[in-house]
Amino acid sequence: MERWLGTLAVAMIYVLRVYYVQGFYVISYGLGIYVLNLLIGFLSPKVDPELEALDGASLPTKGSDEFKPFIRRLPEFKFWYAITKAFVVAFVLTFFSMLDVPVFWPILLCYWIFLFFLTMKRQILHMIKYKYVPFDIGKQRYTNKKSASSSGTPRN
């Protein structure tokens, strides 16, 4: 959790830098596309069930309701590391004035929002179709319970 707070701090510093300078919108757009790509990798399963269905040359050996644990294509640590590195690189790029290309930023923002919603819609439909949830919120967790004999006084 602490590392995500650090990444949030780095992202806020970048946003403040772009707001203060009033420029570098193309770099911000590129950063947004890269983060969206990382998010798709984070939300996607390592083995895509859609591609497994296309490899249908062999006989079916597994039941459709067989439990398969969700393994991400992009693990959480690599996702965090790549996002943090991307914000740091984008922040450094804001110090080079030749990269401040004049653009009408609302068009870039609208296009990014359009891409985000289209991509997320496709991803959510994929999750529903193949019945996987990439989040562990609400999933049952198994923990060790203390036995009744160990909860009392220690044995000698």
Protein backbone atom coordinates (compact mmCIF):
# COMPACT_ATOMS: atom_id res chain seq x y z
CA MET A 1 0.00 0.00 0.00
CA GLU A 2 2.85 2.38 0.80
CA ARG A 3 4.37 1.98 -2.64
CA TRP A 4 1.05 2.94 -4.28
CA LEU A 5 0.93 6.05 -2.11
CA GLY A 6 4.43 6.88 -3.34
CA THR A 7 3.28 6.42 -6.93
CA LEU A 8 0.28 8.64 -6.24
CA ALA A 9 2.65 11.31 -4.89
CA VAL A 10 4.84 11.06 -8.01
CA ALA A 11 1.74 11.29 -10.23
CA MET A 12 0.49 14.37 -8.34
CA ILE A 13 3.89 16.05 -8.75
CA TYR A 14 3.69 15.35 -12.49
CA VAL A 15 0.14 16.72 -12.73
CA LEU A 16 1.15 19.85 -10.82
CA ARG A 17 4.15 20.31 -13.14
CA VAL A 18 1.97 20.05 -16.26
CA TYR A 19 -0.63 22.38 -14.73
CA TYR A 20 2.03 24.92 -13.71
CA VAL A 21 3.80 24.89 -17.09
CA GLN A 22 0.51 24.74 -19.08
CA GLY A 23 2.06 22.48 -21.67
CA PHE A 24 3.43 19.04 -22.53
CA TYR A 25 -0.01 17.70 -23.38
CA VAL A 26 1.35 15.28 -25.98
CA ILE A 27 3.59 13.73 -23.32
CA SER A 28 0.60 13.49 -21.00
CA TYR A 29 -1.44 11.85 -23.76
CA GLY A 30 1.33 9.33 -24.43
CA LEU A 31 1.57 8.65 -20.70
CA GLY A 32 -2.19 8.09 -20.56
CA ILE A 33 -2.10 5.63 -23.47
CA TYR A 34 0.80 3.76 -21.84
CA VAL A 35 -0.99 3.58 -18.47
CA LEU A 36 -4.14 2.33 -20.25
CA ASN A 37 -2.06 -0.39 -21.92
CA LEU A 38 -0.60 -1.40 -18.55
CA LEU A 39 -4.07 -1.47 -17.02
CA ILE A 40 -5.30 -3.83 -19.74
CA GLY A 41 -2.33 -6.10 -19.08
CA PHE A 42 -3.08 -6.00 -15.36
CA LEU A 43 -6.75 -6.88 -15.86
CA SER A 44 -6.17 -9.61 -18.45
CA PRO A 45 -5.54 -13.26 -17.66
CA LYS A 46 -2.15 -14.72 -18.50
CA VAL A 47 -3.78 -17.47 -20.55
CA ASP A 48 -6.54 -15.95 -22.65
CA PRO A 49 -9.56 -18.30 -22.77
CA GLU A 50 -10.53 -16.85 -26.14
CA LEU A 51 -7.23 -18.01 -27.65
CA GLU A 52 -7.57 -21.42 -25.99
CA ALA A 53 -10.95 -21.84 -27.68
CA LEU A 54 -9.35 -21.12 -31.07
CA ASP A 55 -6.78 -23.88 -30.53
CA GLY A 56 -9.65 -26.38 -30.75
CA ALA A 57 -7.70 -28.99 -32.75
CA SER A 58 -7.57 -31.33 -29.77
CA LEU A 59 -10.40 -33.04 -27.96
CA PRO A 60 -11.82 -31.25 -24.93
CA THR A 61 -10.16 -32.58 -21.79
CA LYS A 62 -11.45 -30.09 -19.27
CA GLY A 63 -14.92 -29.26 -18.08
CA SER A 64 -16.18 -25.75 -18.70
CA ASP A 65 -16.82 -25.23 -14.97
CA GLU A 66 -13.35 -26.32 -13.90
CA PHE A 67 -11.74 -23.91 -11.44
CA LYS A 68 -8.77 -22.05 -12.82
CA PRO A 69 -7.04 -19.52 -10.60
CA PHE A 70 -6.78 -16.03 -12.06
CA ILE A 71 -3.19 -15.32 -13.01
CA ARG A 72 -2.56 -11.86 -14.40
CA ARG A 73 -0.70 -11.20 -17.62
CA LEU A 74 1.03 -8.31 -15.83
CA PRO A 75 1.65 -8.97 -12.11
CA GLU A 76 0.81 -6.24 -9.60
CA PHE A 77 4.43 -5.43 -8.73
CA LYS A 78 5.46 -5.05 -12.38
CA PHE A 79 2.32 -2.97 -12.98
CA TRP A 80 3.24 -0.65 -10.09
CA TYR A 81 6.88 -0.43 -11.16
CA ALA A 82 6.04 0.36 -14.79
CA ILE A 83 3.53 3.07 -13.84
CA THR A 84 5.94 4.70 -11.39
CA LYS A 85 8.75 4.61 -13.94
CA ALA A 86 6.44 6.07 -16.60
CA PHE A 87 5.49 9.03 -14.42
CA VAL A 88 9.13 9.70 -13.54
CA VAL A 89 10.18 9.58 -17.21
CA ALA A 90 7.27 11.83 -18.21
CA PHE A 91 8.22 14.27 -15.44
CA VAL A 92 11.82 14.41 -16.70
CA LEU A 93 10.59 14.96 -20.27
CA THR A 94 8.72 18.09 -19.15
CA PHE A 95 12.07 19.83 -18.68
CA PHE A 96 12.86 19.72 -22.42
CA SER A 97 11.09 22.59 -24.18
CA MET A 98 11.47 20.99 -27.62
CA LEU A 99 8.99 18.31 -26.49
CA ASP A 100 6.31 20.91 -25.71
CA VAL A 101 4.38 20.55 -28.96
CA PRO A 102 1.49 23.02 -29.21
CA VAL A 103 -1.77 21.07 -29.46
CA PHE A 104 -5.41 21.66 -28.62
CA TRP A 105 -5.52 19.53 -25.48
CA PRO A 106 -9.33 19.04 -25.25
CA ILE A 107 -9.22 16.95 -28.43
CA LEU A 108 -6.51 14.72 -26.95
CA LEU A 109 -8.49 14.39 -23.73
CA CYS A 110 -11.73 13.50 -25.55
CA TYR A 111 -9.91 10.95 -27.71
CA TRP A 112 -8.27 9.36 -24.66
CA ILE A 113 -11.61 9.14 -22.82
CA PHE A 114 -13.16 7.57 -25.94
CA LEU A 115 -10.33 4.99 -26.11
CA PHE A 116 -10.60 4.31 -22.38
CA PHE A 117 -14.34 3.58 -22.49
CA LEU A 118 -14.09 1.46 -25.63
CA THR A 119 -11.21 -0.56 -24.22
CA MET A 120 -12.80 -1.01 -20.79
CA LYS A 121 -16.11 -2.04 -22.36
CA ARG A 122 -14.31 -4.71 -24.37
CA GLN A 123 -12.40 -5.87 -21.29
CA ILE A 124 -15.50 -6.04 -19.08
CA LEU A 125 -17.41 -7.99 -21.73
CA HIS A 126 -14.45 -10.38 -21.93
CA MET A 127 -14.53 -10.79 -18.13
CA ILE A 128 -18.27 -11.52 -18.20
CA LYS A 129 -18.01 -13.95 -21.13
CA TYR A 130 -15.23 -16.02 -19.56
CA LYS A 131 -16.36 -15.54 -15.94
CA TYR A 132 -13.23 -14.22 -14.31
CA VAL A 133 -12.75 -11.42 -11.80
CA PRO A 134 -9.28 -9.87 -11.63
CA PHE A 135 -9.87 -8.28 -8.22
CA ASP A 136 -9.72 -9.96 -4.84
CA ILE A 137 -12.27 -7.64 -3.24
CA GLY A 138 -15.09 -9.71 -1.82
CA LYS A 139 -13.34 -13.03 -2.40
CA GLN A 140 -13.26 -15.48 0.47
CA ARG A 141 -9.99 -15.58 2.37
CA TYR A 142 -8.82 -18.51 4.38
CA THR A 143 -6.90 -17.81 7.57
CA ASN A 144 -5.56 -19.99 10.34
CA LYS A 145 -7.81 -19.99 13.38
CA LYS A 146 -6.33 -20.50 16.81
CA SER A 147 -7.37 -23.81 18.29
CA ALA A 148 -9.19 -23.89 21.63
CA SER A 149 -6.26 -25.54 23.40
CA SER A 150 -3.80 -22.80 22.40
CA SER A 151 -6.07 -19.90 23.39
CA GLY A 152 -5.76 -20.60 27.11
CA THR A 153 -2.69 -20.54 29.32
CA PRO A 154 0.56 -21.82 27.87
CA ARG A 155 1.54 -25.40 28.60
CA ASN A 156 4.57 -26.15 30.69
